Amino acid sequence: MSLTTSYSRRSVLTFLAGGAASTLAGCASTAPRGQLVASYPEPIAPTPAAFAPPPMDAGGSAELDAMYGTVMDGGFVIPAVPYQKINPRYYRQRVVDPTGERPGTVVVDTASRFLYLIEPGGSAMRYGVGIGREGFAWQGEGVIQWRQKWPKWTPPNEMIARQPELAKYSADNGGMPPGLSNPLGARALYIFQNGQDTLYRLHGSPEWQSIGTAASSGCVRLMNQDVIDLYDRVPTKARIVVWQ
């Protein structure tokens, strides 16, 4: 699929260091032995995206069935996504690059709920995303310093204080093991700036309903099928730009 609609390029805002780490603490923090952790998604409270959705096609296609069908990965069976219930603008698709960034760069457009992976030749792979409140807390440029398949998740201590039932997933207890119910989903990509962890994450999610919305918690979430595709495409130590 392709899209010829062009977007005006936004100015990349500079990173505001003061207070950013504390704002993002609900998205991720550092536990003993360098375990990077992220917040447990609260119930989704979707808000409308920037544009009204076009009419949805109640049917399907072989291409989309393959794209969002059941996936066996890492010993887990990821359920198919009922993509007919999602605004088609948020399907994974190749588009004309609206960013002007160099190939290999990842661009997160939080206002439009899109993530772009810039390709050679003027195109980009575009993914629909859900933006949690922590996803609006950081902007600027960074590097995808490392990434992980089926990551563990460990709630920060302040979250356990609010939700004692999460104590079983504390760092002392080894965190929540990888799996379909893990808040980080099938993949997590960790963003650093100037050698420091920004606590900003791109990660999978089983909550396909949250794609295209301002989700209640988390950083930048993609459908598990899409985050696997992004993980396989994105270059090592890729540059990332976040627009607010």
Protein backbone atom coordinates (compact mmCIF):
# COMPACT_ATOMS: atom_id res chain seq x y z
CA MET A 1 0.00 0.00 0.00
CA SER A 2 1.15 3.57 -0.58
CA LEU A 3 0.05 7.03 0.40
CA THR A 4 0.88 10.19 -1.43
CA THR A 5 -0.46 12.65 1.11
CA SER A 6 2.41 14.85 2.21
CA TYR A 7 2.90 16.46 5.55
CA SER A 8 4.70 19.68 6.35
CA ARG A 9 7.88 18.98 8.21
CA ARG A 10 7.78 19.84 11.87
CA SER A 11 10.70 21.42 13.64
CA VAL A 12 12.46 19.00 15.93
CA LEU A 13 12.25 20.45 19.42
CA THR A 14 15.24 20.31 21.71
CA PHE A 15 15.30 17.90 24.61
CA LEU A 16 14.33 19.46 27.93
CA ALA A 17 16.52 17.63 30.42
CA GLY A 18 15.12 19.06 33.61
CA GLY A 19 12.38 16.87 35.01
CA ALA A 20 12.24 14.51 32.04
CA ALA A 21 13.54 11.48 33.89
CA SER A 22 11.07 11.90 36.73
CA THR A 23 8.20 12.33 34.29
CA LEU A 24 9.20 9.16 32.51
CA ALA A 25 9.64 7.13 35.68
CA GLY A 26 6.27 5.53 35.08
CA CYS A 27 7.45 4.32 31.69
CA ALA A 28 10.83 2.92 32.67
CA SER A 29 13.46 2.98 35.37
CA THR A 30 16.71 1.22 36.11
CA ALA A 31 16.70 -1.71 38.52
CA PRO A 32 19.65 -3.59 40.03
CA ARG A 33 22.01 -5.24 37.54
CA GLY A 34 20.89 -2.79 34.86
CA GLN A 35 17.45 -4.33 34.34
CA LEU A 36 15.45 -1.73 32.41
CA VAL A 37 11.82 -1.67 33.43
CA ALA A 38 8.60 -0.01 32.37
CA SER A 39 5.23 0.78 33.85
CA TYR A 40 2.28 -1.56 33.87
CA PRO A 41 -0.39 -0.29 31.50
CA GLU A 42 -3.51 0.84 33.28
CA PRO A 43 -6.93 0.31 31.66
CA ILE A 44 -7.03 2.00 28.30
CA ALA A 45 -8.93 5.27 28.12
CA PRO A 46 -8.71 6.16 24.42
CA THR A 47 -8.98 9.73 23.21
CA PRO A 48 -9.64 10.75 19.61
CA ALA A 49 -6.65 10.98 17.32
CA ALA A 50 -5.80 14.17 15.50
CA PHE A 51 -7.92 13.35 12.46
CA ALA A 52 -11.38 11.85 12.09
CA PRO A 53 -11.14 8.26 10.85
CA PRO A 54 -12.19 7.44 7.32
CA PRO A 55 -14.90 4.82 6.80
CA MET A 56 -13.63 1.35 7.58
CA ASP A 57 -13.78 -1.58 5.24
CA ALA A 58 -15.65 -4.40 6.94
CA GLY A 59 -13.91 -6.89 4.71
CA GLY A 60 -10.35 -8.12 4.68
CA SER A 61 -7.51 -8.91 2.33
CA ALA A 62 -4.91 -11.63 2.00
CA GLU A 63 -2.16 -9.04 2.49
CA LEU A 64 -3.61 -7.77 5.76
CA ASP A 65 -4.47 -11.28 6.91
CA ALA A 66 -0.80 -12.17 6.51
CA MET A 67 0.38 -8.93 8.08
CA TYR A 68 -1.80 -9.15 11.18
CA GLY A 69 -2.50 -12.87 11.42
CA THR A 70 -1.48 -15.27 14.17
CA VAL A 71 2.28 -15.32 14.71
CA MET A 72 4.41 -17.97 16.40
CA ASP A 73 7.45 -16.24 17.86
CA GLY A 74 9.87 -17.10 20.64
CA GLY A 75 7.72 -19.96 21.87
CA PHE A 76 4.60 -17.78 22.10
CA VAL A 77 1.52 -17.68 19.89
CA ILE A 78 0.58 -14.05 19.24
CA PRO A 79 -3.15 -13.81 18.45
CA ALA A 80 -4.32 -12.34 15.17
CA VAL A 81 -5.30 -8.68 15.27
CA PRO A 82 -8.90 -7.91 14.21
CA TYR A 83 -7.58 -5.23 11.89
CA GLN A 84 -11.03 -4.50 10.47
CA LYS A 85 -11.74 -2.73 13.78
CA ILE A 86 -8.73 -0.43 13.41
CA ASN A 87 -8.65 2.78 11.40
CA PRO A 88 -6.89 1.78 8.13
CA ARG A 89 -4.58 4.80 8.34
CA TYR A 90 -2.81 2.98 11.20
CA TYR A 91 -2.04 -0.17 9.24
CA ARG A 92 1.62 -0.79 8.54
CA GLN A 93 2.32 0.62 5.08
CA ARG A 94 5.00 2.06 2.84
CA VAL A 95 4.48 5.78 2.20
CA VAL A 96 6.25 8.74 0.67
CA ASP A 97 8.69 10.00 3.32
CA PRO A 98 7.18 13.17 4.86
CA THR A 99 10.11 13.84 7.21
CA GLY A 100 13.17 14.63 5.10
CA GLU A 101 15.33 12.60 7.51
CA ARG A 102 18.15 10.39 6.29
CA PRO A 103 17.55 6.66 5.66
CA GLY A 104 17.70 4.47 8.75
CA THR A 105 16.24 7.15 11.01
CA VAL A 106 13.18 6.42 13.15
CA VAL A 107 10.74 9.32 13.52
CA VAL A 108 7.88 9.34 16.04
CA ASP A 109 5.14 11.85 15.22
CA THR A 110 3.18 11.85 18.46
CA ALA A 111 0.46 14.22 17.24
CA SER A 112 -0.46 12.03 14.27
CA ARG A 113 0.18 8.72 16.12
CA PHE A 114 2.66 7.56 13.48
CA LEU A 115 6.13 6.05 13.62
CA TYR A 116 8.27 6.19 10.47
CA LEU A 117 11.34 4.17 9.55
CA ILE A 118 12.98 6.13 6.75
CA GLU A 119 14.11 4.12 3.72
CA PRO A 120 16.38 4.94 0.78
CA GLY A 121 14.74 6.41 -2.30
CA GLY A 122 12.24 8.72 -0.62
CA SER A 123 9.98 6.16 1.03
CA ALA A 124 9.28 5.20 4.63
CA MET A 125 7.63 2.35 6.49
CA ARG A 126 4.85 3.85 8.58
CA TYR A 127 3.35 2.23 11.66
CA GLY A 128 0.37 3.28 13.72
CA VAL A 129 1.17 3.76 17.40
CA GLY A 130 -0.50 4.50 20.69
CA ILE A 131 1.10 7.24 22.77
CA GLY A 132 1.00 6.88 26.55
CA ARG A 133 1.32 9.88 28.81
CA GLU A 134 5.04 9.16 29.20
CA GLY A 135 5.29 9.17 25.42
CA PHE A 136 4.53 12.90 25.43
CA ALA A 137 7.22 13.64 28.04
CA TRP A 138 10.35 13.43 25.88
CA GLN A 139 11.27 15.02 22.59
CA GLY A 140 14.39 15.53 20.55
CA GLU A 141 17.01 13.16 19.14
CA GLY A 142 18.50 9.98 20.51
CA VAL A 143 19.81 6.54 19.61
CA ILE A 144 18.15 3.14 19.84
CA GLN A 145 20.98 1.93 22.05
CA TRP A 146 19.76 -1.61 22.50
CA ARG A 147 16.71 -3.74 21.95
CA GLN A 148 15.30 -6.93 23.31
CA LYS A 149 13.05 -9.77 22.22
CA TRP A 150 10.36 -10.75 24.72
CA PRO A 151 11.71 -8.53 27.51
CA LYS A 152 11.01 -8.91 31.20
CA TRP A 153 9.14 -6.14 32.99
CA THR A 154 9.69 -4.91 36.53
CA PRO A 155 7.40 -2.30 38.11
CA PRO A 156 9.18 0.57 39.85
CA ASN A 157 8.95 0.69 43.64
CA GLU A 158 6.61 3.68 43.60
CA MET A 159 4.16 1.73 41.46
CA ILE A 160 4.29 -1.24 43.80
CA ALA A 161 3.51 1.13 46.68
CA ARG A 162 0.34 2.17 44.86
CA GLN A 163 -0.50 -1.34 43.65
CA PRO A 164 0.79 -3.88 46.20
CA GLU A 165 -0.49 -6.75 44.07
CA LEU A 166 2.43 -6.03 41.72
CA ALA A 167 4.99 -6.87 44.42
CA LYS A 168 5.31 -10.37 42.97
CA TYR A 169 6.92 -8.72 39.91
CA SER A 170 9.43 -6.65 41.88
CA ALA A 171 13.13 -6.64 41.04
CA ASP A 172 13.80 -8.83 44.08
CA ASN A 173 11.34 -11.37 42.69
CA GLY A 174 12.84 -11.33 39.21
CA GLY A 175 10.22 -9.20 37.44
CA MET A 176 7.39 -10.33 35.21
CA PRO A 177 8.59 -12.99 32.80
CA PRO A 178 8.18 -12.51 29.05
CA GLY A 179 4.81 -13.43 27.66
CA LEU A 180 1.62 -12.31 26.01
CA SER A 181 0.45 -10.43 29.11
CA ASN A 182 3.77 -8.65 29.65
CA PRO A 183 3.27 -4.87 29.19
CA LEU A 184 6.33 -4.58 26.92
CA GLY A 185 4.98 -7.10 24.45
CA ALA A 186 7.09 -9.04 21.98
CA ARG A 187 9.88 -6.46 21.55
CA ALA A 188 11.28 -3.40 23.31
CA LEU A 189 13.63 -0.76 21.90
CA TYR A 190 15.48 1.43 24.41
CA ILE A 191 16.32 5.06 23.64
CA PHE A 192 19.49 6.78 24.87
CA GLN A 193 20.73 10.35 24.45
CA ASN A 194 24.36 11.38 24.95
CA GLY A 195 25.07 7.95 26.40
CA GLN A 196 22.31 8.20 29.00
CA ASP A 197 19.08 6.25 29.18
CA THR A 198 16.17 8.58 28.42
CA LEU A 199 13.70 6.03 29.87
CA TYR A 200 11.83 6.37 26.57
CA ARG A 201 10.73 3.11 24.98
CA LEU A 202 9.21 1.75 21.79
CA HIS A 203 7.49 -1.51 22.64
CA GLY A 204 4.86 -4.02 21.66
CA SER A 205 1.41 -4.34 23.16
CA PRO A 206 -1.52 -6.74 22.91
CA GLU A 207 -3.84 -3.72 23.27
CA TRP A 208 -4.55 -3.19 19.58
CA GLN A 209 -7.48 -0.98 20.60
CA SER A 210 -5.01 1.64 21.82
CA ILE A 211 -3.36 2.17 18.42
CA GLY A 212 -4.10 5.66 17.16
CA THR A 213 -5.03 6.92 20.63
CA ALA A 214 -3.51 8.68 23.58
CA ALA A 215 -3.33 5.58 25.78
CA SER A 216 -3.49 5.81 29.54
CA SER A 217 0.03 4.58 30.25
CA GLY A 218 3.32 3.66 28.65
CA CYS A 219 5.63 5.28 26.09
CA VAL A 220 5.12 4.43 22.40
CA ARG A 221 3.29 1.17 21.80
CA LEU A 222 2.84 -0.76 18.58
CA MET A 223 0.86 -3.86 17.78
CA ASN A 224 3.02 -6.89 18.46
CA GLN A 225 3.03 -7.83 14.76
CA ASP A 226 4.25 -4.33 13.91
CA VAL A 227 6.92 -4.08 16.60
CA ILE A 228 8.37 -7.39 15.39
CA ASP A 229 8.50 -6.00 11.84
CA LEU A 230 10.12 -2.77 13.06
CA TYR A 231 12.64 -4.67 15.17
CA ASP A 232 13.70 -6.70 12.14
CA ARG A 233 14.09 -3.62 9.92
CA VAL A 234 15.63 -0.97 12.15
CA PRO A 235 19.42 -0.61 11.89
CA THR A 236 21.69 -1.16 14.88
CA LYS A 237 22.13 2.04 16.92
CA ALA A 238 19.58 3.79 14.73
CA ARG A 239 19.01 7.50 15.19
CA ILE A 240 15.55 8.39 16.50
CA VAL A 241 13.73 11.73 16.39
CA VAL A 242 10.60 12.38 18.44
CA TRP A 243 8.20 15.17 17.42
CA GLN A 244 5.74 16.58 19.92
